[in-house]
Amino acid sequence: MSQIAIDVALIPPDDITQLAIKINKTFSDTVAENYVLDVKTCIPHITLAMGLITEEQVSEVSKKLEVLAKKFSALVLKITHIKTSARPDGKVISGLEIERTPELQKFHETILDEMNSIFTYDNVQKEMFYSPPPVNEIPMFWVKGFAKTSVRENYKPHITLGVGEPKDIINPVKFVASKLALCHLGNYCTCRKVLFSTKLEK
């Protein structure tokens, strides 16, 4: 059974998605890095959980997400600022930092608990990611370390903007996120293909 690298994510509403795409277009390395945000093949998103599943488990995970979505209301979220961090090669990756509200934290942890017996993190291979574009070592490192470095008290919700640093400061922005998606991850843990989506509708 072949495994794929997946992301359980919130897809922001159109205005926030377009904001991320607009900022991404200002980065000089966007095309060279194959990190061109759009609404279909490189989708702005807020990761809730990631890991490896078999292709046969897509249906099982989708059903679990559909059940969970009926237990949670749409989430009122807030972009607080832009955060930058350096890659090992010195290039900068930027993201819109999201306030970690109690409701978002609870949803994140509920999904982790629900998927604990399904998601794995061992033996991550490039072939498990969506391609093209080509996959480098970075997403393998991120997926492998996700359960140890980025969950529960270490959860840092954000929308990655791409490789580059925004020229302008953004003001805090509130928005409502209701779309929950299961995505096939590509290079840099981008959401390259939506495998399933539903809406939070408690």
Protein backbone atom coordinates (compact mmCIF):
# COMPACT_ATOMS: atom_id res chain seq x y z
CA MET A 1 0.00 0.00 0.00
CA SER A 2 1.56 3.26 -1.10
CA GLN A 3 1.66 6.13 1.37
CA ILE A 4 1.06 9.82 0.73
CA ALA A 5 1.94 12.92 2.75
CA ILE A 6 -1.20 14.79 3.74
CA ASP A 7 -2.33 17.90 5.55
CA VAL A 8 -5.55 18.50 7.46
CA ALA A 9 -6.08 22.22 7.03
CA LEU A 10 -8.43 25.14 7.29
CA ILE A 11 -8.83 26.95 3.97
CA PRO A 12 -9.32 30.68 4.65
CA PRO A 13 -12.12 32.69 3.01
CA ASP A 14 -11.61 34.32 -0.38
CA ASP A 15 -10.42 37.70 0.89
CA ILE A 16 -7.68 36.18 3.04
CA THR A 17 -6.72 33.74 0.29
CA GLN A 18 -6.37 36.63 -2.17
CA LEU A 19 -4.33 38.62 0.36
CA ALA A 20 -1.85 35.73 0.64
CA ILE A 21 -1.70 35.33 -3.15
CA LYS A 22 -1.14 39.08 -3.61
CA ILE A 23 1.78 39.13 -1.15
CA ASN A 24 3.25 35.95 -2.68
CA LYS A 25 3.33 37.64 -6.11
CA THR A 26 5.64 40.35 -4.76
CA PHE A 27 8.41 37.87 -3.90
CA SER A 28 11.23 37.77 -6.45
CA ASP A 29 11.89 34.04 -5.87
CA THR A 30 8.26 32.91 -6.18
CA VAL A 31 8.57 31.44 -9.69
CA ALA A 32 12.13 30.14 -9.31
CA GLU A 33 11.14 28.33 -6.11
CA ASN A 34 7.95 26.89 -7.69
CA TYR A 35 6.02 28.46 -4.80
CA VAL A 36 3.28 30.34 -6.65
CA LEU A 37 0.18 30.51 -4.47
CA ASP A 38 -3.19 30.10 -6.17
CA VAL A 39 -6.67 28.74 -5.42
CA LYS A 40 -6.27 25.29 -7.00
CA THR A 41 -2.72 23.94 -7.08
CA CYS A 42 -0.88 25.77 -4.25
CA ILE A 43 -3.60 26.75 -1.82
CA PRO A 44 -3.10 29.14 1.13
CA HIS A 45 -4.04 27.22 4.28
CA ILE A 46 -3.73 26.86 8.04
CA THR A 47 -2.32 23.46 8.98
CA LEU A 48 -4.10 21.61 11.77
CA ALA A 49 -2.27 18.28 11.44
CA MET A 50 -0.05 16.49 8.95
CA GLY A 51 1.37 13.04 8.49
CA LEU A 52 1.46 9.97 6.28
CA ILE A 53 -1.50 7.77 5.37
CA THR A 54 -2.05 5.09 2.77
CA GLU A 55 -4.09 5.97 -0.30
CA GLU A 56 -6.67 3.47 0.94
CA GLN A 57 -7.05 5.48 4.17
CA VAL A 58 -8.13 8.68 2.40
CA SER A 59 -11.77 7.61 2.61
CA GLU A 60 -11.49 6.72 6.31
CA VAL A 61 -9.83 10.02 7.20
CA SER A 62 -12.37 11.96 5.12
CA LYS A 63 -15.27 10.34 6.97
CA LYS A 64 -13.71 11.17 10.33
CA LEU A 65 -13.26 14.80 9.28
CA GLU A 66 -16.86 14.99 8.10
CA VAL A 67 -18.06 13.81 11.51
CA LEU A 68 -15.77 16.25 13.35
CA ALA A 69 -16.91 19.16 11.19
CA LYS A 70 -20.44 18.73 12.49
CA LYS A 71 -19.20 19.12 16.07
CA PHE A 72 -17.44 22.47 15.59
CA SER A 73 -18.67 25.90 14.57
CA ALA A 74 -16.82 28.08 12.08
CA LEU A 75 -13.78 29.61 13.76
CA VAL A 76 -13.27 33.34 14.25
CA LEU A 77 -9.56 33.85 13.67
CA LYS A 78 -7.15 36.77 13.58
CA ILE A 79 -4.00 37.46 11.61
CA THR A 80 -1.70 39.23 14.07
CA HIS A 81 1.47 39.92 12.07
CA ILE A 82 3.88 38.63 9.45
CA LYS A 83 6.62 36.34 10.70
CA THR A 84 9.80 35.46 8.83
CA SER A 85 12.28 32.64 9.35
CA ALA A 86 15.47 31.62 7.56
CA ARG A 87 15.92 28.36 5.69
CA PRO A 88 19.21 26.46 6.01
CA ASP A 89 20.33 28.07 2.73
CA GLY A 90 19.69 31.54 4.15
CA LYS A 91 16.58 32.35 2.13
CA VAL A 92 13.62 33.74 4.05
CA ILE A 93 10.20 32.11 4.34
CA SER A 94 7.32 34.36 5.42
CA GLY A 95 3.93 33.63 6.89
CA LEU A 96 0.82 35.28 8.30
CA GLU A 97 0.75 34.42 11.99
CA ILE A 98 -2.67 33.40 13.34
CA GLU A 99 -3.74 33.99 16.94
CA ARG A 100 -3.96 30.65 18.73
CA THR A 101 -7.44 30.98 20.22
CA PRO A 102 -8.79 28.38 22.67
CA GLU A 103 -11.29 27.26 20.02
CA LEU A 104 -8.59 26.78 17.38
CA GLN A 105 -6.35 24.96 19.86
CA LYS A 106 -9.19 22.63 20.83
CA PHE A 107 -9.96 21.86 17.19
CA HIS A 108 -6.28 21.17 16.47
CA GLU A 109 -5.98 18.80 19.43
CA THR A 110 -9.27 17.06 18.64
CA ILE A 111 -8.03 16.28 15.14
CA LEU A 112 -4.70 15.04 16.51
CA ASP A 113 -6.50 12.70 18.92
CA GLU A 114 -8.82 11.43 16.20
CA MET A 115 -5.98 10.74 13.76
CA ASN A 116 -3.45 9.44 16.28
CA SER A 117 -3.99 5.80 15.35
CA ILE A 118 -3.88 6.52 11.60
CA PHE A 119 -1.14 9.07 10.89
CA THR A 120 2.47 7.88 10.81
CA TYR A 121 5.74 9.82 10.52
CA ASP A 122 8.38 7.19 9.81
CA ASN A 123 10.34 6.62 6.62
CA VAL A 124 9.14 9.76 4.82
CA GLN A 125 10.06 9.62 1.12
CA LYS A 126 9.95 12.19 -1.70
CA GLU A 127 7.63 9.93 -3.68
CA MET A 128 4.93 10.44 -1.03
CA PHE A 129 4.54 14.12 -1.96
CA TYR A 130 2.59 15.57 -4.86
CA SER A 131 4.78 16.37 -7.84
CA PRO A 132 5.37 18.37 -10.02
CA PRO A 133 6.92 20.66 -8.99
CA PRO A 134 9.98 18.68 -7.84
CA VAL A 135 10.26 17.90 -4.14
CA ASN A 136 13.38 18.73 -2.12
CA GLU A 137 14.43 17.60 1.37
CA ILE A 138 12.59 20.33 3.28
CA PRO A 139 9.04 18.88 3.35
CA MET A 140 10.39 15.46 4.31
CA PHE A 141 12.09 17.05 7.32
CA TRP A 142 8.95 18.99 8.29
CA VAL A 143 6.55 16.03 8.07
CA LYS A 144 8.91 13.71 9.92
CA GLY A 145 9.28 16.18 12.78
CA PHE A 146 5.71 17.49 12.91
CA ALA A 147 4.47 15.31 15.78
CA LYS A 148 7.51 16.23 17.90
CA THR A 149 7.85 19.93 17.18
CA SER A 150 4.59 21.48 16.00
CA VAL A 151 1.66 20.09 17.96
CA ARG A 152 -0.31 20.83 21.12
CA GLU A 153 1.60 23.40 23.20
CA ASN A 154 4.02 23.89 20.28
CA TYR A 155 1.26 24.52 17.73
CA LYS A 156 1.86 27.76 15.81
CA PRO A 157 -1.00 28.40 13.37
CA HIS A 158 -0.04 30.38 10.28
CA ILE A 159 -0.56 30.82 6.55
CA THR A 160 2.74 30.42 4.70
CA LEU A 161 3.25 33.13 2.08
CA GLY A 162 6.29 31.70 0.32
CA VAL A 163 9.98 32.38 -0.13
CA GLY A 164 10.59 36.08 0.38
CA GLU A 165 9.95 38.94 2.77
CA PRO A 166 6.97 41.31 2.41
CA LYS A 167 7.81 44.95 1.88
CA ASP A 168 4.75 46.22 3.74
CA ILE A 169 3.53 45.72 7.29
CA ILE A 170 -0.04 44.41 7.54
CA ASN A 171 -2.58 45.41 10.14
CA PRO A 172 -4.31 42.73 12.23
CA VAL A 173 -7.21 41.16 10.33
CA LYS A 174 -10.11 39.11 11.66
CA PHE A 175 -11.83 36.48 9.53
CA VAL A 176 -14.05 33.42 9.79
CA ALA A 177 -12.72 30.03 8.68
CA SER A 178 -15.26 27.31 7.96
CA LYS A 179 -13.72 25.15 5.22
CA LEU A 180 -11.90 22.03 6.41
CA ALA A 181 -9.80 20.15 3.86
CA LEU A 182 -7.64 17.07 3.49
CA CYS A 183 -4.84 17.89 1.07
CA HIS A 184 -1.99 16.05 -0.64
CA LEU A 185 1.20 17.85 0.33
CA GLY A 186 3.76 19.05 -2.19
CA ASN A 187 7.14 20.73 -1.90
CA TYR A 188 7.53 22.99 1.16
CA CYS A 189 4.39 21.26 2.54
CA THR A 190 2.18 23.22 0.20
CA CYS A 191 -1.41 22.07 -0.31
CA ARG A 192 -1.24 20.92 -3.93
CA LYS A 193 -4.41 18.84 -4.27
CA VAL A 194 -7.62 18.78 -2.23
CA LEU A 195 -8.62 15.17 -1.57
CA PHE A 196 -11.69 16.02 0.51
CA SER A 197 -13.35 19.12 1.94
CA THR A 198 -16.29 19.94 4.17
CA LYS A 199 -17.58 22.83 6.27
CA LEU A 200 -17.66 23.40 10.02
CA GLU A 201 -21.36 23.61 10.78
CA LYS A 202 -22.26 22.84 14.37
